[in-house]
Amino acid sequence: MKDIKAIISKNITELRQKSGMTQLELAERLNYSDKAVSKWERGESLPDITVLLEIAKLYLVTLDYLVEEEHTAPKKQKRESGHRYNRGFITGISVLLVWFIAMLSFVLVSLIAPEEQFQWLAFLAAVPVSCIVWLVFNSAWFDVRVNYLIVSLLMWSGLATLHISFLALGINIWLIYLLGIPGQIIILMWSGIKIRKKPTESKTESE
């Protein structure tokens, strides 16, 4: 059997990578330094039992899972994978529903008032509305870091929708895009804000 340090380090590394976390992100969740996490993953030291329990809880595995050399995917992990699939499916259906409503509006207006020329604006409006729906579900179920990208798409698509809508009426308000410049800067600065717990001296280095 492999050395227990090598087994635990291998399991911690695999769980962290499968979750998409960096060493720094795992360290912040455990209130340790990334140097300590790096030493654990290299097998140079071991986290104490309380930290191992925190890691097991974080990745939805048992403590036995962390010390076993060979194992199958835990039931909780399988359920979580199934939940993520279902949530992604629900999010996709919700976004498609927005476009279905846009298509329905286009068809109804075209049938009821064929002389109208702006029914295509329904598809244009569907873009920012889709971003709003995506933002809501992503905030509730997925990686909130993606929210910065979604908010950027929402802002620019919203500005484009306003510009093109007014342009269809013969009014050119292209200067509205200038609002997107400070808006994008604010989003970028917002994405750089991180709330971190300061590791204590006793946790700066691994045990």
C-alpha atoms as a PDB file:
ATOM      1  CA  MET A   1       0.000   0.000   0.000  1.00  0.00           C
ATOM      2  CA  LYS A   2       1.210   3.495  -0.741  1.00  0.00           C
ATOM      3  CA  ASP A   3       2.347   5.851   1.983  1.00  0.00           C
ATOM      4  CA  ILE A   4      -0.690   7.499   3.595  1.00  0.00           C
ATOM      5  CA  LYS A   5       0.671  10.970   2.761  1.00  0.00           C
ATOM      6  CA  ALA A   6       0.860  10.085  -0.930  1.00  0.00           C
ATOM      7  CA  ILE A   7      -2.695   8.697  -0.925  1.00  0.00           C
ATOM      8  CA  ILE A   8      -4.216  11.709   0.833  1.00  0.00           C
ATOM      9  CA  SER A   9      -2.268  14.181  -1.317  1.00  0.00           C
ATOM     10  CA  LYS A  10      -3.433  12.399  -4.486  1.00  0.00           C
ATOM     11  CA  ASN A  11      -7.077  12.400  -3.350  1.00  0.00           C
ATOM     12  CA  ILE A  12      -7.046  16.062  -2.306  1.00  0.00           C
ATOM     13  CA  THR A  13      -5.462  17.047  -5.618  1.00  0.00           C
ATOM     14  CA  GLU A  14      -7.986  15.060  -7.676  1.00  0.00           C
ATOM     15  CA  LEU A  15     -10.990  16.393  -5.763  1.00  0.00           C
ATOM     16  CA  ARG A  16      -9.774  19.987  -6.053  1.00  0.00           C
ATOM     17  CA  GLN A  17      -9.112  19.694  -9.791  1.00  0.00           C
ATOM     18  CA  LYS A  18     -12.464  18.011 -10.487  1.00  0.00           C
ATOM     19  CA  SER A  19     -14.241  20.840  -8.690  1.00  0.00           C
ATOM     20  CA  GLY A  20     -12.381  23.440 -10.785  1.00  0.00           C
ATOM     21  CA  MET A  21     -10.797  25.062  -7.725  1.00  0.00           C
ATOM     22  CA  THR A  22      -7.304  26.506  -7.596  1.00  0.00           C
ATOM     23  CA  GLN A  23      -5.013  25.879  -4.638  1.00  0.00           C
ATOM     24  CA  LEU A  24      -5.601  29.467  -3.530  1.00  0.00           C
ATOM     25  CA  GLU A  25      -9.391  29.060  -3.621  1.00  0.00           C
ATOM     26  CA  LEU A  26      -9.214  25.865  -1.563  1.00  0.00           C
ATOM     27  CA  ALA A  27      -6.867  27.576   0.892  1.00  0.00           C
ATOM     28  CA  GLU A  28      -9.312  30.469   1.312  1.00  0.00           C
ATOM     29  CA  ARG A  29     -12.199  28.079   1.973  1.00  0.00           C
ATOM     30  CA  LEU A  30     -10.161  26.357   4.686  1.00  0.00           C
ATOM     31  CA  ASN A  31      -8.608  29.591   6.031  1.00  0.00           C
ATOM     32  CA  TYR A  32      -5.109  28.317   5.247  1.00  0.00           C
ATOM     33  CA  SER A  33      -2.374  29.621   2.963  1.00  0.00           C
ATOM     34  CA  ASP A  34      -1.964  28.292  -0.573  1.00  0.00           C
ATOM     35  CA  LYS A  35       1.571  27.229   0.416  1.00  0.00           C
ATOM     36  CA  ALA A  36       0.086  24.855   2.980  1.00  0.00           C
ATOM     37  CA  VAL A  37      -2.294  23.372   0.386  1.00  0.00           C
ATOM     38  CA  SER A  38       0.622  22.984  -2.027  1.00  0.00           C
ATOM     39  CA  LYS A  39       2.574  21.029   0.597  1.00  0.00           C
ATOM     40  CA  TRP A  40      -0.412  18.761   1.226  1.00  0.00           C
ATOM     41  CA  GLU A  41      -0.741  17.997  -2.460  1.00  0.00           C
ATOM     42  CA  ARG A  42       2.983  17.277  -2.800  1.00  0.00           C
ATOM     43  CA  GLY A  43       2.793  14.890   0.140  1.00  0.00           C
ATOM     44  CA  GLU A  44       5.283  16.912   2.185  1.00  0.00           C
ATOM     45  CA  SER A  45       2.872  17.276   5.094  1.00  0.00           C
ATOM     46  CA  LEU A  46      -0.629  16.306   6.157  1.00  0.00           C
ATOM     47  CA  PRO A  47      -3.534  18.493   7.271  1.00  0.00           C
ATOM     48  CA  ASP A  48      -4.830  17.662  10.723  1.00  0.00           C
ATOM     49  CA  ILE A  49      -7.962  15.590  11.208  1.00  0.00           C
ATOM     50  CA  THR A  50     -10.279  18.613  11.580  1.00  0.00           C
ATOM     51  CA  VAL A  51      -9.065  20.010   8.252  1.00  0.00           C
ATOM     52  CA  LEU A  52      -9.500  16.623   6.577  1.00  0.00           C
ATOM     53  CA  LEU A  53     -13.097  16.603   7.822  1.00  0.00           C
ATOM     54  CA  GLU A  54     -13.622  20.096   6.360  1.00  0.00           C
ATOM     55  CA  ILE A  55     -12.193  18.938   3.005  1.00  0.00           C
ATOM     56  CA  ALA A  56     -14.429  15.852   3.014  1.00  0.00           C
ATOM     57  CA  LYS A  57     -17.474  18.006   3.752  1.00  0.00           C
ATOM     58  CA  LEU A  58     -16.509  20.537   1.079  1.00  0.00           C
ATOM     59  CA  TYR A  59     -16.234  17.886  -1.655  1.00  0.00           C
ATOM     60  CA  LEU A  60     -19.161  15.755  -0.423  1.00  0.00           C
ATOM     61  CA  VAL A  61     -17.053  12.704   0.351  1.00  0.00           C
ATOM     62  CA  THR A  62     -16.388  10.686   3.493  1.00  0.00           C
ATOM     63  CA  LEU A  63     -13.205  10.803   5.538  1.00  0.00           C
ATOM     64  CA  ASP A  64     -12.549   7.209   4.436  1.00  0.00           C
ATOM     65  CA  TYR A  65     -12.576   8.407   0.824  1.00  0.00           C
ATOM     66  CA  LEU A  66      -9.590  10.676   1.510  1.00  0.00           C
ATOM     67  CA  VAL A  67      -7.450   7.878   2.942  1.00  0.00           C
ATOM     68  CA  GLU A  68      -8.392   5.103   0.502  1.00  0.00           C
ATOM     69  CA  GLU A  69      -6.114   4.407  -2.451  1.00  0.00           C
ATOM     70  CA  GLU A  70      -8.883   3.070  -4.707  1.00  0.00           C
ATOM     71  CA  HIS A  71     -12.533   3.969  -4.578  1.00  0.00           C
ATOM     72  CA  THR A  72     -15.579   4.552  -6.699  1.00  0.00           C
ATOM     73  CA  ALA A  73     -17.336   7.886  -6.971  1.00  0.00           C
ATOM     74  CA  PRO A  74     -19.314   8.520  -3.775  1.00  0.00           C
ATOM     75  CA  LYS A  75     -23.096   8.511  -3.930  1.00  0.00           C
ATOM     76  CA  LYS A  76     -23.298  12.141  -2.795  1.00  0.00           C
ATOM     77  CA  GLN A  77     -20.912  13.166  -5.557  1.00  0.00           C
ATOM     78  CA  LYS A  78     -23.019  11.292  -8.109  1.00  0.00           C
ATOM     79  CA  ARG A  79     -26.158  12.983  -6.858  1.00  0.00           C
ATOM     80  CA  GLU A  80     -24.473  16.387  -7.035  1.00  0.00           C
ATOM     81  CA  SER A  81     -23.406  15.667 -10.626  1.00  0.00           C
ATOM     82  CA  GLY A  82     -26.994  14.743 -11.451  1.00  0.00           C
ATOM     83  CA  HIS A  83     -28.260  17.921  -9.825  1.00  0.00           C
ATOM     84  CA  ARG A  84     -25.850  20.047 -11.862  1.00  0.00           C
ATOM     85  CA  TYR A  85     -27.028  18.355 -15.057  1.00  0.00           C
ATOM     86  CA  ASN A  86     -30.680  18.969 -14.167  1.00  0.00           C
ATOM     87  CA  ARG A  87     -29.989  22.586 -13.243  1.00  0.00           C
ATOM     88  CA  GLY A  88     -28.175  23.159 -16.533  1.00  0.00           C
ATOM     89  CA  PHE A  89     -31.104  21.604 -18.366  1.00  0.00           C
ATOM     90  CA  ILE A  90     -33.605  23.814 -16.532  1.00  0.00           C
ATOM     91  CA  THR A  91     -31.521  26.914 -17.254  1.00  0.00           C
ATOM     92  CA  GLY A  92     -31.353  26.028 -20.961  1.00  0.00           C
ATOM     93  CA  ILE A  93     -35.112  25.439 -21.133  1.00  0.00           C
ATOM     94  CA  SER A  94     -35.758  28.793 -19.432  1.00  0.00           C
ATOM     95  CA  VAL A  95     -33.585  30.654 -21.942  1.00  0.00           C
ATOM     96  CA  LEU A  96     -35.268  28.836 -24.836  1.00  0.00           C
ATOM     97  CA  LEU A  97     -38.644  29.816 -23.381  1.00  0.00           C
ATOM     98  CA  VAL A  98     -37.644  33.478 -23.731  1.00  0.00           C
ATOM     99  CA  TRP A  99     -36.950  32.919 -27.430  1.00  0.00           C
ATOM    100  CA  PHE A 100     -40.197  30.962 -27.821  1.00  0.00           C
ATOM    101  CA  ILE A 101     -42.110  33.951 -26.437  1.00  0.00           C
ATOM    102  CA  ALA A 102     -40.191  36.250 -28.811  1.00  0.00           C
ATOM    103  CA  MET A 103     -41.096  33.994 -31.742  1.00  0.00           C
ATOM    104  CA  LEU A 104     -44.725  33.850 -30.607  1.00  0.00           C
ATOM    105  CA  SER A 105     -44.875  37.643 -30.378  1.00  0.00           C
ATOM    106  CA  PHE A 106     -43.362  37.966 -33.849  1.00  0.00           C
ATOM    107  CA  VAL A 107     -45.863  35.536 -35.366  1.00  0.00           C
ATOM    108  CA  LEU A 108     -48.916  37.034 -33.616  1.00  0.00           C
ATOM    109  CA  VAL A 109     -48.048  40.610 -34.557  1.00  0.00           C
ATOM    110  CA  SER A 110     -47.309  39.518 -38.135  1.00  0.00           C
ATOM    111  CA  LEU A 111     -50.720  37.831 -38.383  1.00  0.00           C
ATOM    112  CA  ILE A 112     -52.787  40.427 -36.563  1.00  0.00           C
ATOM    113  CA  ALA A 113     -51.086  43.534 -37.888  1.00  0.00           C
ATOM    114  CA  PRO A 114     -49.135  42.605 -41.036  1.00  0.00           C
ATOM    115  CA  GLU A 115     -48.648  46.275 -41.833  1.00  0.00           C
ATOM    116  CA  GLU A 116     -46.396  46.634 -38.782  1.00  0.00           C
ATOM    117  CA  GLN A 117     -42.700  46.716 -39.624  1.00  0.00           C
ATOM    118  CA  PHE A 118     -41.087  46.396 -36.210  1.00  0.00           C
ATOM    119  CA  GLN A 119     -42.201  42.966 -35.003  1.00  0.00           C
ATOM    120  CA  TRP A 120     -38.615  41.762 -35.440  1.00  0.00           C
ATOM    121  CA  LEU A 121     -37.705  43.870 -32.399  1.00  0.00           C
ATOM    122  CA  ALA A 122     -39.057  41.007 -30.287  1.00  0.00           C
ATOM    123  CA  PHE A 123     -35.969  38.961 -31.173  1.00  0.00           C
ATOM    124  CA  LEU A 124     -33.722  41.896 -30.326  1.00  0.00           C
ATOM    125  CA  ALA A 125     -35.307  42.289 -26.897  1.00  0.00           C
ATOM    126  CA  ALA A 126     -34.918  38.547 -26.283  1.00  0.00           C
ATOM    127  CA  VAL A 127     -31.133  38.922 -26.040  1.00  0.00           C
ATOM    128  CA  PRO A 128     -30.956  41.029 -22.837  1.00  0.00           C
ATOM    129  CA  VAL A 129     -33.938  39.157 -21.362  1.00  0.00           C
ATOM    130  CA  SER A 130     -32.061  35.875 -21.935  1.00  0.00           C
ATOM    131  CA  CYS A 131     -29.067  37.362 -20.125  1.00  0.00           C
ATOM    132  CA  ILE A 132     -31.278  38.259 -17.155  1.00  0.00           C
ATOM    133  CA  VAL A 133     -32.680  34.712 -16.972  1.00  0.00           C
ATOM    134  CA  TRP A 134     -29.163  33.242 -17.265  1.00  0.00           C
ATOM    135  CA  LEU A 135     -27.913  35.603 -14.541  1.00  0.00           C
ATOM    136  CA  VAL A 136     -30.659  34.567 -12.125  1.00  0.00           C
ATOM    137  CA  PHE A 137     -30.047  30.835 -12.533  1.00  0.00           C
ATOM    138  CA  ASN A 138     -26.266  31.194 -12.545  1.00  0.00           C
ATOM    139  CA  SER A 139     -26.370  33.181  -9.294  1.00  0.00           C
ATOM    140  CA  ALA A 140     -28.497  30.505  -7.638  1.00  0.00           C
ATOM    141  CA  TRP A 141     -26.884  27.327  -8.926  1.00  0.00           C
ATOM    142  CA  PHE A 142     -23.545  27.831 -10.676  1.00  0.00           C
ATOM    143  CA  ASP A 143     -20.226  29.655 -10.530  1.00  0.00           C
ATOM    144  CA  VAL A 144     -20.947  33.253  -9.515  1.00  0.00           C
ATOM    145  CA  ARG A 145     -17.687  34.356 -11.145  1.00  0.00           C
ATOM    146  CA  VAL A 146     -19.417  33.905 -14.512  1.00  0.00           C
ATOM    147  CA  ASN A 147     -21.859  36.628 -13.431  1.00  0.00           C
ATOM    148  CA  TYR A 148     -19.356  39.294 -14.431  1.00  0.00           C
ATOM    149  CA  LEU A 149     -19.413  38.046 -18.018  1.00  0.00           C
ATOM    150  CA  ILE A 150     -23.213  37.769 -18.013  1.00  0.00           C
ATOM    151  CA  VAL A 151     -23.634  41.295 -16.626  1.00  0.00           C
ATOM    152  CA  SER A 152     -21.307  42.615 -19.349  1.00  0.00           C
ATOM    153  CA  LEU A 153     -23.365  40.857 -22.037  1.00  0.00           C
ATOM    154  CA  LEU A 154     -26.558  42.176 -20.468  1.00  0.00           C
ATOM    155  CA  MET A 155     -25.287  45.754 -20.444  1.00  0.00           C
ATOM    156  CA  TRP A 156     -24.025  45.817 -24.046  1.00  0.00           C
ATOM    157  CA  SER A 157     -27.027  43.925 -25.450  1.00  0.00           C
ATOM    158  CA  GLY A 158     -29.358  46.269 -23.581  1.00  0.00           C
ATOM    159  CA  LEU A 159     -27.610  49.313 -25.038  1.00  0.00           C
ATOM    160  CA  ALA A 160     -27.694  47.757 -28.513  1.00  0.00           C
ATOM    161  CA  THR A 161     -31.410  46.997 -28.143  1.00  0.00           C
ATOM    162  CA  LEU A 162     -32.153  50.619 -27.248  1.00  0.00           C
ATOM    163  CA  HIS A 163     -29.984  51.957 -30.075  1.00  0.00           C
ATOM    164  CA  ILE A 164     -31.464  49.728 -32.779  1.00  0.00           C
ATOM    165  CA  SER A 165     -35.021  50.258 -31.521  1.00  0.00           C
ATOM    166  CA  PHE A 166     -34.654  54.036 -31.753  1.00  0.00           C
ATOM    167  CA  LEU A 167     -32.825  53.685 -35.064  1.00  0.00           C
ATOM    168  CA  ALA A 168     -35.864  51.862 -36.455  1.00  0.00           C
ATOM    169  CA  LEU A 169     -37.865  54.970 -35.547  1.00  0.00           C
ATOM    170  CA  GLY A 170     -35.401  57.182 -37.365  1.00  0.00           C
ATOM    171  CA  ILE A 171     -33.573  58.392 -34.242  1.00  0.00           C
ATOM    172  CA  ASN A 172     -29.852  57.705 -33.970  1.00  0.00           C
ATOM    173  CA  ILE A 173     -28.744  57.594 -30.339  1.00  0.00           C
ATOM    174  CA  TRP A 174     -25.339  55.940 -30.918  1.00  0.00           C
ATOM    175  CA  LEU A 175     -23.851  58.058 -28.121  1.00  0.00           C
ATOM    176  CA  ILE A 176     -25.627  55.722 -25.700  1.00  0.00           C
ATOM    177  CA  TYR A 177     -22.738  53.262 -26.174  1.00  0.00           C
ATOM    178  CA  LEU A 178     -20.503  55.719 -24.312  1.00  0.00           C
ATOM    179  CA  LEU A 179     -22.396  54.711 -21.169  1.00  0.00           C
ATOM    180  CA  GLY A 180     -20.989  51.209 -21.620  1.00  0.00           C
ATOM    181  CA  ILE A 181     -17.397  52.371 -21.113  1.00  0.00           C
ATOM    182  CA  PRO A 182     -17.685  53.393 -17.444  1.00  0.00           C
ATOM    183  CA  GLY A 183     -20.143  50.550 -16.975  1.00  0.00           C
ATOM    184  CA  GLN A 184     -17.603  47.992 -18.204  1.00  0.00           C
ATOM    185  CA  ILE A 185     -14.875  49.533 -16.029  1.00  0.00           C
ATOM    186  CA  ILE A 186     -17.143  49.226 -12.984  1.00  0.00           C
ATOM    187  CA  ILE A 187     -17.834  45.554 -13.816  1.00  0.00           C
ATOM    188  CA  LEU A 188     -14.108  44.831 -14.193  1.00  0.00           C
ATOM    189  CA  MET A 189     -13.320  46.547 -10.896  1.00  0.00           C
ATOM    190  CA  TRP A 190     -16.208  44.709  -9.233  1.00  0.00           C
ATOM    191  CA  SER A 191     -14.826  41.377 -10.467  1.00  0.00           C
ATOM    192  CA  GLY A 192     -11.506  42.185  -8.785  1.00  0.00           C
ATOM    193  CA  ILE A 193     -13.039  42.591  -5.333  1.00  0.00           C
ATOM    194  CA  LYS A 194     -12.343  39.590  -3.142  1.00  0.00           C
ATOM    195  CA  ILE A 195     -13.268  39.088   0.471  1.00  0.00           C
ATOM    196  CA  ARG A 196     -10.614  36.939   2.047  1.00  0.00           C
ATOM    197  CA  LYS A 197     -10.147  35.704   5.542  1.00  0.00           C
ATOM    198  CA  LYS A 198      -6.695  36.458   6.822  1.00  0.00           C
ATOM    199  CA  PRO A 199      -4.938  33.205   7.715  1.00  0.00           C
ATOM    200  CA  THR A 200      -3.621  33.058  11.246  1.00  0.00           C
ATOM    201  CA  GLU A 201       0.098  32.625  11.763  1.00  0.00           C
ATOM    202  CA  SER A 202      -0.360  29.070  12.954  1.00  0.00           C
ATOM    203  CA  LYS A 203      -2.054  28.244   9.622  1.00  0.00           C
ATOM    204  CA  THR A 204       0.285  30.092   7.300  1.00  0.00           C
ATOM    205  CA  GLU A 205       2.467  27.030   7.006  1.00  0.00           C
ATOM    206  CA  SER A 206       1.293  23.420   6.996  1.00  0.00           C
ATOM    207  CA  GLU A 207       1.611  21.407  10.158  1.00  0.00           C
END
